[in-house]
Amino acid sequence: AVVVAAAGGIAYWLYKRQTEPNFLEAIGQQYDLQLAPEVEEFELVKEKCGGDEIQLKQALMKRCVADVPMLQFMQGEERKVQRMYSSSMIGAASYQSFQDAMAIASEELEAVKAEADEIQPGWGEQIWQQGMHLHTHLKSMQEHQEKAKKDEEEAAAEKKKQARKEKEAEKTAQTSEADAEKLAEQKAAELIKEAEQEAGSTGLKKRKSSKKKKPEA
């Protein structure tokens, strides 16, 4: 019920957030982890909503969903960092900075669970499972929308390309037809000219023949 209540608002929020900087951009060689802005946003909602349960649930679920990529990243990094430290590929300072970042991530995880139980007793045991499920669902929906948009743009581009080809083919056909007409006119003119020349030549021969004949005595 909580997921359903929050899904509509989160879907729009996730769409708006997709191109904004996330916590990954804040992580450098020293793992200077920064939590998502949704953490502070939840505190503001909590302060101003007057205990409204629906607003609190939606704000906390947004916070939870925003935390999912961070937790997944830190969990994935943990084994790699341990291996690198054991192999002396990173120093003690870098290793300690990662441990500090892990502590922040763990504190956030527990804080969300505690807030969930405060809003609705027992919800703390479910909120992370719901948040991860919702994050996966919204991410899949977002990817589907992006693919549909890309397919639509490609179809429009192909249609435009086809229309351009048809226009060029029509123009070529018109040019060919005009050239054929022009060629026919030239051929006709040549035939007329030849006929006129032949007629003139025949008349000249007749006149010469008449002059050669003498009158009988």
N, C-alpha and C. Protein backbone atom coordinates (compact mmCIF):
# COMPACT_ATOMS: atom_id res chain seq x y z
N ALA A 1 0.82 -1.20 0.00
CA ALA A 1 0.00 0.00 0.00
C ALA A 1 0.86 1.25 0.00
N VAL A 2 1.96 1.18 0.76
CA VAL A 2 2.85 2.34 0.82
C VAL A 2 3.48 2.59 -0.53
N VAL A 3 3.92 1.50 -1.20
CA VAL A 3 4.56 1.63 -2.51
C VAL A 3 3.59 2.22 -3.51
N VAL A 4 2.36 1.75 -3.51
CA VAL A 4 1.35 2.25 -4.45
C VAL A 4 1.08 3.72 -4.20
N ALA A 5 1.00 4.11 -2.96
CA ALA A 5 0.70 5.50 -2.62
C ALA A 5 1.81 6.44 -3.08
N ALA A 6 3.03 5.97 -3.04
CA ALA A 6 4.16 6.84 -3.37
C ALA A 6 4.59 6.77 -4.82
N ALA A 7 4.18 5.74 -5.54
CA ALA A 7 4.73 5.46 -6.87
C ALA A 7 4.53 6.60 -7.86
N GLY A 8 3.34 7.19 -7.87
CA GLY A 8 3.06 8.25 -8.84
C GLY A 8 4.01 9.42 -8.73
N GLY A 9 4.16 9.93 -7.50
CA GLY A 9 5.05 11.06 -7.30
C GLY A 9 6.50 10.72 -7.55
N ILE A 10 6.92 9.52 -7.15
CA ILE A 10 8.32 9.11 -7.32
C ILE A 10 8.65 8.92 -8.78
N ALA A 11 7.70 8.42 -9.56
CA ALA A 11 7.96 8.20 -10.99
C ALA A 11 8.34 9.52 -11.66
N TYR A 12 7.61 10.57 -11.35
CA TYR A 12 7.92 11.88 -11.93
C TYR A 12 9.25 12.40 -11.39
N TRP A 13 9.45 12.22 -10.09
CA TRP A 13 10.70 12.67 -9.46
C TRP A 13 11.91 11.97 -10.06
N LEU A 14 11.80 10.66 -10.27
CA LEU A 14 12.92 9.90 -10.84
C LEU A 14 13.19 10.35 -12.26
N TYR A 15 12.13 10.63 -13.02
CA TYR A 15 12.30 11.09 -14.40
C TYR A 15 13.05 12.43 -14.42
N LYS A 16 12.67 13.34 -13.52
CA LYS A 16 13.31 14.65 -13.47
C LYS A 16 14.75 14.54 -12.99
N ARG A 17 15.03 13.54 -12.19
CA ARG A 17 16.33 13.41 -11.54
C ARG A 17 17.36 12.70 -12.41
N GLN A 18 16.93 12.03 -13.48
CA GLN A 18 17.79 11.12 -14.21
C GLN A 18 19.05 11.78 -14.77
N THR A 19 18.97 13.07 -15.13
CA THR A 19 20.14 13.73 -15.72
C THR A 19 20.88 14.62 -14.73
N GLU A 20 20.43 14.62 -13.47
CA GLU A 20 21.07 15.46 -12.47
C GLU A 20 22.27 14.74 -11.86
N PRO A 21 23.24 15.48 -11.31
CA PRO A 21 24.39 14.85 -10.66
C PRO A 21 23.95 13.95 -9.52
N ASN A 22 24.58 12.81 -9.35
CA ASN A 22 24.24 11.93 -8.24
C ASN A 22 25.45 11.75 -7.34
N PHE A 23 25.30 10.91 -6.35
CA PHE A 23 26.35 10.75 -5.35
C PHE A 23 27.64 10.22 -5.95
N LEU A 24 27.57 9.50 -7.07
CA LEU A 24 28.77 8.94 -7.67
C LEU A 24 29.76 10.02 -8.07
N GLU A 25 29.22 11.18 -8.48
CA GLU A 25 30.09 12.27 -8.89
C GLU A 25 30.82 12.90 -7.70
N ALA A 26 30.31 12.62 -6.51
CA ALA A 26 30.93 13.19 -5.31
C ALA A 26 32.00 12.27 -4.73
N ILE A 27 32.13 11.07 -5.29
CA ILE A 27 33.09 10.11 -4.76
C ILE A 27 34.39 10.20 -5.53
N GLY A 28 35.44 10.55 -4.87
CA GLY A 28 36.75 10.60 -5.50
C GLY A 28 37.62 9.48 -4.99
N GLN A 29 38.90 9.67 -5.05
CA GLN A 29 39.83 8.65 -4.58
C GLN A 29 39.71 8.42 -3.08
N GLN A 30 39.22 9.43 -2.37
CA GLN A 30 39.11 9.32 -0.92
C GLN A 30 37.70 8.93 -0.46
N TYR A 31 36.82 8.56 -1.40
CA TYR A 31 35.46 8.13 -1.06
C TYR A 31 34.75 9.16 -0.17
N ASP A 32 34.72 10.39 -0.66
CA ASP A 32 34.04 11.46 0.07
C ASP A 32 32.55 11.36 -0.22
N LEU A 33 31.88 10.45 0.44
CA LEU A 33 30.48 10.13 0.17
C LEU A 33 29.54 11.23 0.65
N GLN A 34 28.61 11.60 -0.23
CA GLN A 34 27.58 12.57 0.12
C GLN A 34 26.22 11.92 -0.12
N LEU A 35 25.34 12.06 0.84
CA LEU A 35 24.01 11.47 0.71
C LEU A 35 23.15 12.27 -0.25
N ALA A 36 22.12 11.62 -0.75
CA ALA A 36 21.21 12.25 -1.71
C ALA A 36 20.47 13.41 -1.06
N PRO A 37 20.08 14.42 -1.83
CA PRO A 37 19.34 15.57 -1.27
C PRO A 37 17.99 15.17 -0.70
N GLU A 38 17.49 14.00 -1.09
CA GLU A 38 16.20 13.53 -0.56
C GLU A 38 16.25 13.31 0.95
N VAL A 39 17.45 13.14 1.51
CA VAL A 39 17.59 12.98 2.96
C VAL A 39 17.14 14.27 3.66
N GLU A 40 17.66 15.39 3.20
CA GLU A 40 17.27 16.68 3.78
C GLU A 40 15.83 17.03 3.44
N GLU A 41 15.40 16.64 2.25
CA GLU A 41 14.01 16.92 1.84
C GLU A 41 13.03 16.22 2.78
N PHE A 42 13.36 15.01 3.17
CA PHE A 42 12.49 14.28 4.10
C PHE A 42 12.40 15.02 5.43
N GLU A 43 13.53 15.51 5.92
CA GLU A 43 13.53 16.23 7.19
C GLU A 43 12.67 17.49 7.11
N LEU A 44 12.70 18.17 5.96
CA LEU A 44 11.86 19.36 5.79
C LEU A 44 10.38 19.01 5.77
N VAL A 45 10.05 17.92 5.06
CA VAL A 45 8.65 17.46 5.03
C VAL A 45 8.19 17.08 6.43
N LYS A 46 9.05 16.37 7.13
CA LYS A 46 8.72 15.94 8.49
C LYS A 46 8.47 17.13 9.40
N GLU A 47 9.23 18.19 9.19
CA GLU A 47 9.11 19.39 10.01
C GLU A 47 7.84 20.18 9.70
N LYS A 48 7.41 20.16 8.42
CA LYS A 48 6.32 21.03 8.00
C LYS A 48 4.97 20.33 7.80
N CYS A 49 4.95 19.01 7.68
CA CYS A 49 3.70 18.33 7.31
C CYS A 49 2.75 18.12 8.48
N GLY A 50 3.18 18.42 9.68
CA GLY A 50 2.29 18.27 10.83
C GLY A 50 1.92 16.83 11.13
N GLY A 51 2.83 15.92 10.81
CA GLY A 51 2.58 14.51 11.11
C GLY A 51 1.69 13.80 10.11
N ASP A 52 1.45 14.42 8.94
CA ASP A 52 0.62 13.78 7.91
C ASP A 52 1.30 12.49 7.43
N GLU A 53 0.64 11.38 7.66
CA GLU A 53 1.25 10.07 7.39
C GLU A 53 1.54 9.85 5.91
N ILE A 54 0.62 10.26 5.05
CA ILE A 54 0.81 10.04 3.61
C ILE A 54 2.03 10.81 3.10
N GLN A 55 2.13 12.08 3.50
CA GLN A 55 3.28 12.88 3.08
C GLN A 55 4.60 12.31 3.60
N LEU A 56 4.57 11.85 4.85
CA LEU A 56 5.77 11.27 5.44
C LEU A 56 6.18 9.99 4.72
N LYS A 57 5.21 9.16 4.41
CA LYS A 57 5.51 7.90 3.72
C LYS A 57 6.08 8.16 2.32
N GLN A 58 5.48 9.09 1.61
CA GLN A 58 5.97 9.41 0.27
C GLN A 58 7.38 9.98 0.32
N ALA A 59 7.62 10.89 1.25
CA ALA A 59 8.94 11.51 1.36
C ALA A 59 10.00 10.50 1.77
N LEU A 60 9.64 9.59 2.68
CA LEU A 60 10.60 8.59 3.12
C LEU A 60 10.88 7.57 2.02
N MET A 61 9.85 7.22 1.25
CA MET A 61 10.07 6.28 0.15
C MET A 61 10.95 6.91 -0.93
N LYS A 62 10.76 8.19 -1.18
CA LYS A 62 11.64 8.89 -2.13
C LYS A 62 13.09 8.83 -1.63
N ARG A 63 13.26 9.05 -0.35
CA ARG A 63 14.59 8.99 0.26
C ARG A 63 15.18 7.59 0.13
N CYS A 64 14.37 6.61 0.39
CA CYS A 64 14.81 5.22 0.30
C CYS A 64 15.24 4.86 -1.12
N VAL A 65 14.40 5.21 -2.10
CA VAL A 65 14.70 4.90 -3.50
C VAL A 65 15.97 5.63 -3.95
N ALA A 66 16.14 6.87 -3.49
CA ALA A 66 17.34 7.64 -3.85
C ALA A 66 18.60 7.03 -3.25
N ASP A 67 18.44 6.35 -2.12
CA ASP A 67 19.59 5.72 -1.45
C ASP A 67 20.02 4.41 -2.09
N VAL A 68 19.11 3.76 -2.80
CA VAL A 68 19.39 2.42 -3.34
C VAL A 68 20.66 2.38 -4.18
N PRO A 69 20.85 3.26 -5.19
CA PRO A 69 22.08 3.19 -5.99
C PRO A 69 23.34 3.37 -5.14
N MET A 70 23.27 4.24 -4.14
CA MET A 70 24.42 4.47 -3.27
C MET A 70 24.77 3.22 -2.49
N LEU A 71 23.77 2.56 -1.92
CA LEU A 71 24.02 1.35 -1.15
C LEU A 71 24.54 0.22 -2.04
N GLN A 72 23.95 0.10 -3.23
CA GLN A 72 24.41 -0.94 -4.16
C GLN A 72 25.86 -0.70 -4.56
N PHE A 73 26.20 0.56 -4.79
CA PHE A 73 27.57 0.90 -5.17
C PHE A 73 28.55 0.57 -4.04
N MET A 74 28.21 0.99 -2.82
CA MET A 74 29.10 0.76 -1.69
C MET A 74 29.26 -0.72 -1.40
N GLN A 75 28.19 -1.48 -1.50
CA GLN A 75 28.28 -2.92 -1.29
C GLN A 75 29.16 -3.57 -2.35
N GLY A 76 29.04 -3.10 -3.58
CA GLY A 76 29.87 -3.64 -4.66
C GLY A 76 31.33 -3.27 -4.51
N GLU A 77 31.59 -2.08 -3.96
CA GLU A 77 32.96 -1.61 -3.77
C GLU A 77 33.66 -2.29 -2.60
N GLU A 78 32.87 -2.71 -1.61
CA GLU A 78 33.45 -3.21 -0.36
C GLU A 78 34.45 -4.34 -0.59
N ARG A 79 34.04 -5.35 -1.34
CA ARG A 79 34.92 -6.49 -1.57
C ARG A 79 36.15 -6.07 -2.38
N LYS A 80 35.95 -5.20 -3.36
CA LYS A 80 37.06 -4.75 -4.20
C LYS A 80 38.07 -3.96 -3.37
N VAL A 81 37.58 -3.08 -2.50
CA VAL A 81 38.48 -2.28 -1.67
C VAL A 81 39.25 -3.17 -0.70
N GLN A 82 38.56 -4.14 -0.13
CA GLN A 82 39.24 -5.07 0.79
C GLN A 82 40.38 -5.79 0.07
N ARG A 83 40.11 -6.24 -1.15
CA ARG A 83 41.12 -6.96 -1.93
C ARG A 83 42.29 -6.03 -2.27
N MET A 84 41.98 -4.81 -2.68
CA MET A 84 43.04 -3.87 -3.04
C MET A 84 43.90 -3.51 -1.83
N TYR A 85 43.26 -3.37 -0.68
CA TYR A 85 44.00 -3.03 0.53
C TYR A 85 44.89 -4.19 0.96
N SER A 86 44.36 -5.40 0.85
CA SER A 86 45.14 -6.59 1.21
C SER A 86 46.33 -6.77 0.29
N SER A 87 46.19 -6.31 -0.96
CA SER A 87 47.28 -6.44 -1.94
C SER A 87 48.17 -5.20 -1.97
N SER A 88 47.96 -4.30 -1.01
CA SER A 88 48.75 -3.06 -0.92
C SER A 88 48.61 -2.19 -2.16
N MET A 89 47.45 -2.27 -2.83
CA MET A 89 47.20 -1.45 -4.00
C MET A 89 46.66 -0.07 -3.61
N ILE A 90 46.13 0.04 -2.39
CA ILE A 90 45.72 1.33 -1.86
C ILE A 90 46.30 1.48 -0.46
N GLY A 91 46.47 2.71 -0.04
CA GLY A 91 47.06 2.96 1.26
C GLY A 91 46.04 2.95 2.38
N ALA A 92 46.53 3.10 3.59
CA ALA A 92 45.67 3.08 4.77
C ALA A 92 44.69 4.25 4.77
N ALA A 93 45.12 5.40 4.23
CA ALA A 93 44.24 6.58 4.21
C ALA A 93 43.02 6.34 3.32
N SER A 94 43.26 5.77 2.14
CA SER A 94 42.16 5.48 1.22
C SER A 94 41.24 4.42 1.81
N TYR A 95 41.82 3.43 2.42
CA TYR A 95 41.02 2.36 3.03
C TYR A 95 40.16 2.91 4.16
N GLN A 96 40.74 3.79 4.97
CA GLN A 96 39.99 4.37 6.08
C GLN A 96 38.87 5.27 5.57
N SER A 97 39.14 6.00 4.48
CA SER A 97 38.10 6.86 3.92
C SER A 97 36.93 6.03 3.42
N PHE A 98 37.23 4.84 2.88
CA PHE A 98 36.15 3.96 2.45
C PHE A 98 35.36 3.45 3.65
N GLN A 99 36.05 3.09 4.71
CA GLN A 99 35.36 2.62 5.92
C GLN A 99 34.46 3.72 6.49
N ASP A 100 34.94 4.95 6.43
CA ASP A 100 34.12 6.08 6.90
C ASP A 100 32.87 6.23 6.03
N ALA A 101 33.06 6.07 4.71
CA ALA A 101 31.92 6.16 3.79
C ALA A 101 30.93 5.03 4.04
N MET A 102 31.44 3.84 4.31
CA MET A 102 30.58 2.70 4.61
C MET A 102 29.78 2.95 5.89
N ALA A 103 30.41 3.60 6.86
CA ALA A 103 29.72 3.92 8.11
C ALA A 103 28.57 4.88 7.85
N ILE A 104 28.80 5.86 6.97
CA ILE A 104 27.73 6.81 6.61
C ILE A 104 26.58 6.07 5.93
N ALA A 105 26.92 5.16 5.02
CA ALA A 105 25.89 4.40 4.30
C ALA A 105 25.10 3.52 5.26
N SER A 106 25.79 2.89 6.20
CA SER A 106 25.12 2.02 7.18
C SER A 106 24.21 2.83 8.09
N GLU A 107 24.69 4.00 8.50
CA GLU A 107 23.87 4.88 9.35
C GLU A 107 22.60 5.31 8.61
N GLU A 108 22.74 5.60 7.32
CA GLU A 108 21.57 6.00 6.53
C GLU A 108 20.58 4.86 6.42
N LEU A 109 21.09 3.66 6.21
CA LEU A 109 20.22 2.49 6.11
C LEU A 109 19.40 2.31 7.39
N GLU A 110 20.07 2.40 8.53
CA GLU A 110 19.38 2.22 9.81
C GLU A 110 18.45 3.40 10.10
N ALA A 111 18.84 4.60 9.67
CA ALA A 111 18.00 5.78 9.91
C ALA A 111 16.68 5.67 9.17
N VAL A 112 16.73 5.18 7.93
CA VAL A 112 15.51 5.01 7.14
C VAL A 112 14.59 3.98 7.80
N LYS A 113 15.17 2.90 8.27
CA LYS A 113 14.37 1.87 8.96
C LYS A 113 13.72 2.44 10.22
N ALA A 114 14.47 3.24 10.96
CA ALA A 114 13.93 3.82 12.19
C ALA A 114 12.80 4.80 11.88
N GLU A 115 12.98 5.62 10.85
CA GLU A 115 11.93 6.57 10.46
C GLU A 115 10.68 5.82 10.01
N ALA A 116 10.87 4.72 9.30
CA ALA A 116 9.73 3.93 8.82
C ALA A 116 8.94 3.36 9.99
N ASP A 117 9.64 2.85 10.98
CA ASP A 117 8.96 2.29 12.16
C ASP A 117 8.25 3.38 12.95
N GLU A 118 8.80 4.58 12.92
CA GLU A 118 8.16 5.69 13.63
C GLU A 118 6.87 6.10 12.93
N ILE A 119 6.87 6.05 11.61
CA ILE A 119 5.66 6.40 10.85
C ILE A 119 4.62 5.30 10.98
N GLN A 120 5.07 4.07 10.83
CA GLN A 120 4.16 2.92 10.90
C GLN A 120 4.93 1.74 11.50
N PRO A 121 4.61 1.34 12.70
CA PRO A 121 5.34 0.25 13.35
C PRO A 121 5.41 -1.01 12.47
N GLY A 122 6.61 -1.55 12.34
CA GLY A 122 6.80 -2.75 11.53
C GLY A 122 7.22 -2.46 10.10
N TRP A 123 7.05 -1.23 9.67
CA TRP A 123 7.40 -0.89 8.28
C TRP A 123 8.91 -0.92 8.06
N GLY A 124 9.68 -0.70 9.12
CA GLY A 124 11.13 -0.69 8.99
C GLY A 124 11.70 -1.99 8.46
N GLU A 125 11.01 -3.10 8.72
CA GLU A 125 11.49 -4.40 8.24
C GLU A 125 11.18 -4.61 6.76
N GLN A 126 10.34 -3.76 6.19
CA GLN A 126 9.90 -3.95 4.81
C GLN A 126 10.36 -2.84 3.86
N ILE A 127 10.67 -1.68 4.40
CA ILE A 127 10.87 -0.52 3.53
C ILE A 127 12.01 -0.68 2.54
N TRP A 128 13.11 -1.31 2.94
CA TRP A 128 14.21 -1.43 1.99
C TRP A 128 13.90 -2.40 0.87
N GLN A 129 13.18 -3.46 1.20
CA GLN A 129 12.76 -4.39 0.15
C GLN A 129 11.82 -3.70 -0.83
N GLN A 130 10.90 -2.90 -0.28
CA GLN A 130 9.96 -2.15 -1.12
C GLN A 130 10.71 -1.10 -1.96
N GLY A 131 11.65 -0.42 -1.32
CA GLY A 131 12.41 0.62 -2.02
C GLY A 131 13.22 0.06 -3.17
N MET A 132 13.88 -1.07 -2.94
CA MET A 132 14.67 -1.69 -4.00
C MET A 132 13.78 -2.19 -5.14
N HIS A 133 12.64 -2.75 -4.76
CA HIS A 133 11.69 -3.22 -5.79
C HIS A 133 11.18 -2.04 -6.61
N LEU A 134 10.84 -0.95 -5.94
CA LEU A 134 10.32 0.23 -6.64
C LEU A 134 11.41 0.87 -7.50
N HIS A 135 12.62 0.91 -7.00
CA HIS A 135 13.74 1.46 -7.77
C HIS A 135 13.94 0.67 -9.06
N THR A 136 13.91 -0.67 -8.95
CA THR A 136 14.07 -1.53 -10.13
C THR A 136 12.93 -1.31 -11.11
N HIS A 137 11.70 -1.22 -10.58
CA HIS A 137 10.52 -1.03 -11.43
C HIS A 137 10.59 0.31 -12.16
N LEU A 138 10.90 1.37 -11.45
CA LEU A 138 10.96 2.70 -12.06
C LEU A 138 12.10 2.80 -13.06
N LYS A 139 13.22 2.16 -12.74
CA LYS A 139 14.35 2.17 -13.66
C LYS A 139 13.99 1.44 -14.95
N SER A 140 13.29 0.30 -14.80
CA SER A 140 12.85 -0.46 -15.97
C SER A 140 11.86 0.35 -16.80
N MET A 141 10.94 1.02 -16.12
CA MET A 141 9.94 1.84 -16.80
C MET A 141 10.61 3.00 -17.52
N GLN A 142 11.60 3.59 -16.88
CA GLN A 142 12.34 4.71 -17.48
C GLN A 142 13.08 4.24 -18.73
N GLU A 143 13.74 3.07 -18.64
CA GLU A 143 14.47 2.52 -19.78
C GLU A 143 13.51 2.20 -20.93
N HIS A 144 12.32 1.68 -20.57
CA HIS A 144 11.31 1.37 -21.59
C HIS A 144 10.86 2.65 -22.29
N GLN A 145 10.63 3.71 -21.52
CA GLN A 145 10.20 4.99 -22.09
C GLN A 145 11.29 5.57 -23.00
N GLU A 146 12.54 5.46 -22.55
CA GLU A 146 13.65 5.97 -23.35
C GLU A 146 13.78 5.19 -24.65
N LYS A 147 13.58 3.86 -24.57
CA LYS A 147 13.65 3.03 -25.77
C LYS A 147 12.52 3.37 -26.72
N ALA A 148 11.30 3.55 -26.15
CA ALA A 148 10.15 3.90 -26.98
C ALA A 148 10.37 5.25 -27.67
N LYS A 149 10.95 6.19 -26.93
CA LYS A 149 11.24 7.51 -27.50
C LYS A 149 12.29 7.41 -28.60
N LYS A 150 13.31 6.59 -28.35
CA LYS A 150 14.36 6.40 -29.35
C LYS A 150 13.81 5.75 -30.60
N ASP A 151 12.95 4.70 -30.40
CA ASP A 151 12.34 4.03 -31.55
C ASP A 151 11.46 4.99 -32.34
N GLU A 152 10.73 5.84 -31.62
CA GLU A 152 9.85 6.82 -32.27
C GLU A 152 10.68 7.83 -33.08
N GLU A 153 11.79 8.27 -32.50
CA GLU A 153 12.66 9.23 -33.20
C GLU A 153 13.29 8.59 -34.43
N GLU A 154 13.70 7.31 -34.29
CA GLU A 154 14.30 6.61 -35.43
C GLU A 154 13.27 6.39 -36.53
N ALA A 155 12.01 6.06 -36.13
CA ALA A 155 10.95 5.87 -37.11
C ALA A 155 10.64 7.17 -37.84
N ALA A 156 10.62 8.28 -37.09
CA ALA A 156 10.37 9.59 -37.70
C ALA A 156 11.50 9.96 -38.66
N ALA A 157 12.74 9.66 -38.25
CA ALA A 157 13.89 9.96 -39.11
C ALA A 157 13.86 9.12 -40.38
N GLU A 158 13.46 7.85 -40.23
CA GLU A 158 13.37 6.95 -41.40
C GLU A 158 12.26 7.41 -42.34
N LYS A 159 11.14 7.85 -41.75
CA LYS A 159 10.03 8.35 -42.56
C LYS A 159 10.45 9.60 -43.33
N LYS A 160 11.17 10.48 -42.65
CA LYS A 160 11.66 11.71 -43.29
C LYS A 160 12.65 11.37 -44.40
N LYS A 161 13.50 10.39 -44.13
CA LYS A 161 14.49 9.96 -45.12
C LYS A 161 13.80 9.37 -46.35
N GLN A 162 12.76 8.55 -46.10
CA GLN A 162 12.02 7.93 -47.20
C GLN A 162 11.29 8.98 -48.02
N ALA A 163 10.72 9.97 -47.33
CA ALA A 163 10.02 11.05 -48.04
C ALA A 163 10.99 11.84 -48.91
N ARG A 164 12.20 12.06 -48.39
CA ARG A 164 13.22 12.77 -49.15
C ARG A 164 13.62 11.97 -50.39
N LYS A 165 13.76 10.65 -50.22
CA LYS A 165 14.11 9.78 -51.35
C LYS A 165 13.02 9.81 -52.42
N GLU A 166 11.75 9.74 -51.97
CA GLU A 166 10.64 9.77 -52.91
C GLU A 166 10.59 11.10 -53.66
N LYS A 167 10.87 12.19 -52.94
CA LYS A 167 10.87 13.51 -53.58
C LYS A 167 11.98 13.60 -54.61
N GLU A 168 13.15 13.06 -54.25
CA GLU A 168 14.28 13.08 -55.18
C GLU A 168 13.99 12.21 -56.41
N ALA A 169 13.33 11.05 -56.16
CA ALA A 169 12.98 10.16 -57.27
C ALA A 169 11.97 10.82 -58.20
N GLU A 170 11.00 11.53 -57.59
CA GLU A 170 9.99 12.24 -58.38
C GLU A 170 10.65 13.35 -59.20
N LYS A 171 11.58 14.06 -58.59
CA LYS A 171 12.29 15.13 -59.28
C LYS A 171 13.11 14.57 -60.44
N THR A 172 13.75 13.41 -60.18
CA THR A 172 14.55 12.77 -61.23
C THR A 172 13.66 12.32 -62.38
N ALA A 173 12.47 11.77 -62.03
CA ALA A 173 11.53 11.32 -63.06
C ALA A 173 11.04 12.50 -63.90
N GLN A 174 10.74 13.61 -63.22
CA GLN A 174 10.28 14.80 -63.94
C GLN A 174 11.38 15.34 -64.86
N THR A 175 12.61 15.31 -64.36
CA THR A 175 13.75 15.76 -65.18
C THR A 175 13.93 14.86 -66.39
N SER A 176 13.80 13.54 -66.16
CA SER A 176 13.94 12.58 -67.26
C SER A 176 12.85 12.78 -68.30
N GLU A 177 11.62 13.03 -67.82
CA GLU A 177 10.50 13.25 -68.73
C GLU A 177 10.71 14.53 -69.54
N ALA A 178 11.19 15.57 -68.86
CA ALA A 178 11.45 16.84 -69.55
C ALA A 178 12.57 16.67 -70.58
N ASP A 179 13.59 15.91 -70.19
CA ASP A 179 14.69 15.65 -71.12
C ASP A 179 14.22 14.86 -72.34
N ALA A 180 13.32 13.89 -72.08
CA ALA A 180 12.79 13.07 -73.18
C ALA A 180 11.97 13.93 -74.14
N GLU A 181 11.15 14.85 -73.58
CA GLU A 181 10.35 15.74 -74.41
C GLU A 181 11.25 16.67 -75.24
N LYS A 182 12.29 17.18 -74.57
CA LYS A 182 13.22 18.07 -75.26
C LYS A 182 13.95 17.33 -76.38
N LEU A 183 14.33 16.08 -76.10
CA LEU A 183 15.01 15.26 -77.10
C LEU A 183 14.09 14.97 -78.28
N ALA A 184 12.81 14.70 -77.98
CA ALA A 184 11.84 14.43 -79.03
C ALA A 184 11.63 15.66 -79.90
N GLU A 185 11.57 16.83 -79.25
CA GLU A 185 11.41 18.07 -80.00
C GLU A 185 12.61 18.33 -80.91
N GLN A 186 13.81 18.06 -80.37
CA GLN A 186 15.02 18.23 -81.18
C GLN A 186 15.03 17.27 -82.37
N LYS A 187 14.61 16.04 -82.12
CA LYS A 187 14.57 15.03 -83.19
C LYS A 187 13.57 15.44 -84.26
N ALA A 188 12.40 15.91 -83.81
CA ALA A 188 11.37 16.35 -84.76
C ALA A 188 11.87 17.52 -85.59
N ALA A 189 12.55 18.45 -84.93
CA ALA A 189 13.09 19.62 -85.64
C ALA A 189 14.12 19.18 -86.68
N GLU A 190 14.95 18.21 -86.31
CA GLU A 190 15.95 17.70 -87.25
C GLU A 190 15.30 17.03 -88.45
N LEU A 191 14.24 16.25 -88.20
CA LEU A 191 13.53 15.57 -89.29
C LEU A 191 12.88 16.59 -90.23
N ILE A 192 12.28 17.63 -89.64
CA ILE A 192 11.65 18.68 -90.46
C ILE A 192 12.70 19.38 -91.31
N LYS A 193 13.82 19.67 -90.67
CA LYS A 193 14.90 20.34 -91.40
C LYS A 193 15.42 19.48 -92.54
N GLU A 194 15.58 18.18 -92.27
CA GLU A 194 16.03 17.25 -93.31
C GLU A 194 15.02 17.18 -94.46
N ALA A 195 13.74 17.15 -94.07
CA ALA A 195 12.68 17.09 -95.09
C ALA A 195 12.69 18.35 -95.94
N GLU A 196 12.85 19.49 -95.30
CA GLU A 196 12.89 20.76 -96.04
C GLU A 196 14.10 20.81 -96.97
N GLN A 197 15.23 20.34 -96.47
CA GLN A 197 16.44 20.33 -97.29
C GLN A 197 16.28 19.39 -98.49
N GLU A 198 15.66 18.25 -98.23
CA GLU A 198 15.43 17.28 -99.31
C GLU A 198 14.46 17.85 -100.34
N ALA A 199 13.42 18.51 -99.85
CA ALA A 199 12.44 19.11 -100.77
C ALA A 199 13.09 20.21 -101.61
N GLY A 200 13.92 21.01 -101.00
CA GLY A 200 14.61 22.08 -101.72
C GLY A 200 15.56 21.52 -102.76
N SER A 201 16.23 20.47 -102.42
CA SER A 201 17.17 19.82 -103.34
C SER A 201 16.44 19.24 -104.54
N THR A 202 15.31 18.63 -104.33
CA THR A 202 14.50 18.04 -105.42
C THR A 202 13.99 19.12 -106.36
N GLY A 203 13.54 20.23 -105.83
CA GLY A 203 13.03 21.33 -106.67
C GLY A 203 14.13 21.93 -107.52
N LEU A 204 15.31 22.03 -106.96
CA LEU A 204 16.44 22.58 -107.70
C LEU A 204 16.80 21.68 -108.88
N LYS A 205 16.78 20.38 -108.65
CA LYS A 205 17.08 19.42 -109.72
C LYS A 205 16.07 19.52 -110.85
N LYS A 206 14.82 19.71 -110.52
CA LYS A 206 13.77 19.81 -111.54
C LYS A 206 13.97 21.06 -112.39
N ARG A 207 14.35 22.17 -111.76
CA ARG A 207 14.55 23.41 -112.50
C ARG A 207 15.73 23.29 -113.45
N LYS A 208 16.79 22.67 -112.98
CA LYS A 208 17.96 22.46 -113.84
C LYS A 208 17.63 21.56 -115.02
N SER A 209 16.84 20.57 -114.80
CA SER A 209 16.45 19.63 -115.86
C SER A 209 15.62 20.34 -116.93
N SER A 210 14.76 21.24 -116.51
CA SER A 210 13.90 21.98 -117.45
C SER A 210 14.72 22.90 -118.33
N LYS A 211 15.75 23.52 -117.81
CA LYS A 211 16.61 24.43 -118.57
C LYS A 211 17.40 23.68 -119.63
N LYS A 212 17.76 22.45 -119.40
CA LYS A 212 18.58 21.68 -120.34
C LYS A 212 17.77 21.26 -121.57
N LYS A 213 16.47 21.11 -121.45
CA LYS A 213 15.64 20.67 -122.58
C LYS A 213 15.49 21.80 -123.61
N LYS A 214 15.73 21.51 -124.94
CA LYS A 214 15.58 22.50 -126.01
C LYS A 214 14.25 22.30 -126.73
N PRO A 215 13.64 23.38 -127.21
CA PRO A 215 12.36 23.23 -127.94
C PRO A 215 12.57 22.57 -129.29
N GLU A 216 11.65 21.71 -129.74
CA GLU A 216 11.74 20.97 -131.02
C GLU A 216 11.48 21.92 -132.19
N ALA A 217 12.22 21.69 -133.36
CA ALA A 217 12.09 22.54 -134.54
C ALA A 217 10.81 22.24 -135.28
